[in-house]
């Protein structure tokens, strides 16, 4: 997760303002629809790199050839900023990536055409991701893919510490033991980004989370969450866990690749990063250790939004169906490492990518992101507080998260 610039923060505020209803035209749904056989569609994406851009453009070209429509794919430098500007100007793209932290803002403002329940096989998309992109009981948009978190281990550093496959940690106690054994010299046993999108796995494993399952109640200040943060704090205090910034790296994959971390908690995007930057480093990916409540991880995704103000809604929905088909998602997995958000395609993905088994299996006990209006600010503050967890008060941090979350929830109701 990258830091936000002041400009991006202002744009987010603009999005939140539009969510209050100041923007006109999105709620009426009266935009005249183009029913011609040859329509021109615009697609806005936020790409992870050349491989993703090429995959989306190739898929759009194939759709165009099959249907007779034409599709222009634009790559955003800042997807939130450009979407906010296009909505404000009443000229949104026909289809686009929607980040989970902005989904509810767009849904509440009436910017999104809620097409999800019109998709015949929508149940094939994983349940936790469908829940993430459901608003007021309606599936608004389809998740474009998914990623989960697992434990990645530097194989050479593991062996140098005298550890074998039998020592792969399956409990919190075992993780603490091996992290301490792996910490020596310039090597830290476990290095992660100090943010909810990594440390949140411990909350899930302890039986807690930020909200209840249907996101109608904030559950941050629970005993389970306090136990999770206290456990993380104990690792920080021992020195066997450090944040990526504390070892002069930007993320866990870089720390793993540079030999500064023996273990990290990362998603399946790690594969592409290691291949590109550290191809000589051997590593193994195993399931995250179970906590007091069992196994738990986090799942991440974006959805394919369709603009309610688009004059090509029917064609845009067909385009999204094409882009989220099992065949196309498997092509995307091969091209840039994402997993399919369709449960029917995950088995084939695992068969094609045996090294990704831990990430695939994690879908069975994954927690989707919080997608409440205005909650991006709440999570930004939570990240700030987690950065100081080493010397902070876990219960105080959670109390602040509870208060901020309740305020955001009240404003959104």
Foldseek 3Di string as FASTA:
>chain_A
DDDDDPVVVVLLVLLLVLLVQPQDDLAPLPAAADPDQEEEFEEEEADPDDLLVVLLVVLQVVLCVVRVYHYHYDHDPDQSNVQSVCSNVLRHGQKYWFFLQCLQSCVSSNFFAQCLVVDPVSVLFFPQVQLSQDDPNGRRFHWLFKKWKFKKFQVVLCVVLVHDPVLPAQELVSLLVQLLSSDDDLAAAEEFALACQFLVQLLLLLVHHQAPSNRLAGGLLDPSNLVSLVSVLVCVLSRNYDYQVVSVHDGRLVCSLVRNYRMYMDIQLSVVVCVVPRVPTDMATAGHHHYPNGGEIAMGTIGMTGTSSDSHNVVSVVSRCSSLDLVSQLVSCVRRNTHRSGNVNLVVSCVVPVRCVNGSVNSVHHHYDHRAPPCVVLRVVLSVVSNVSNPDRSSVSSVSSNVVSVVSSVVRD
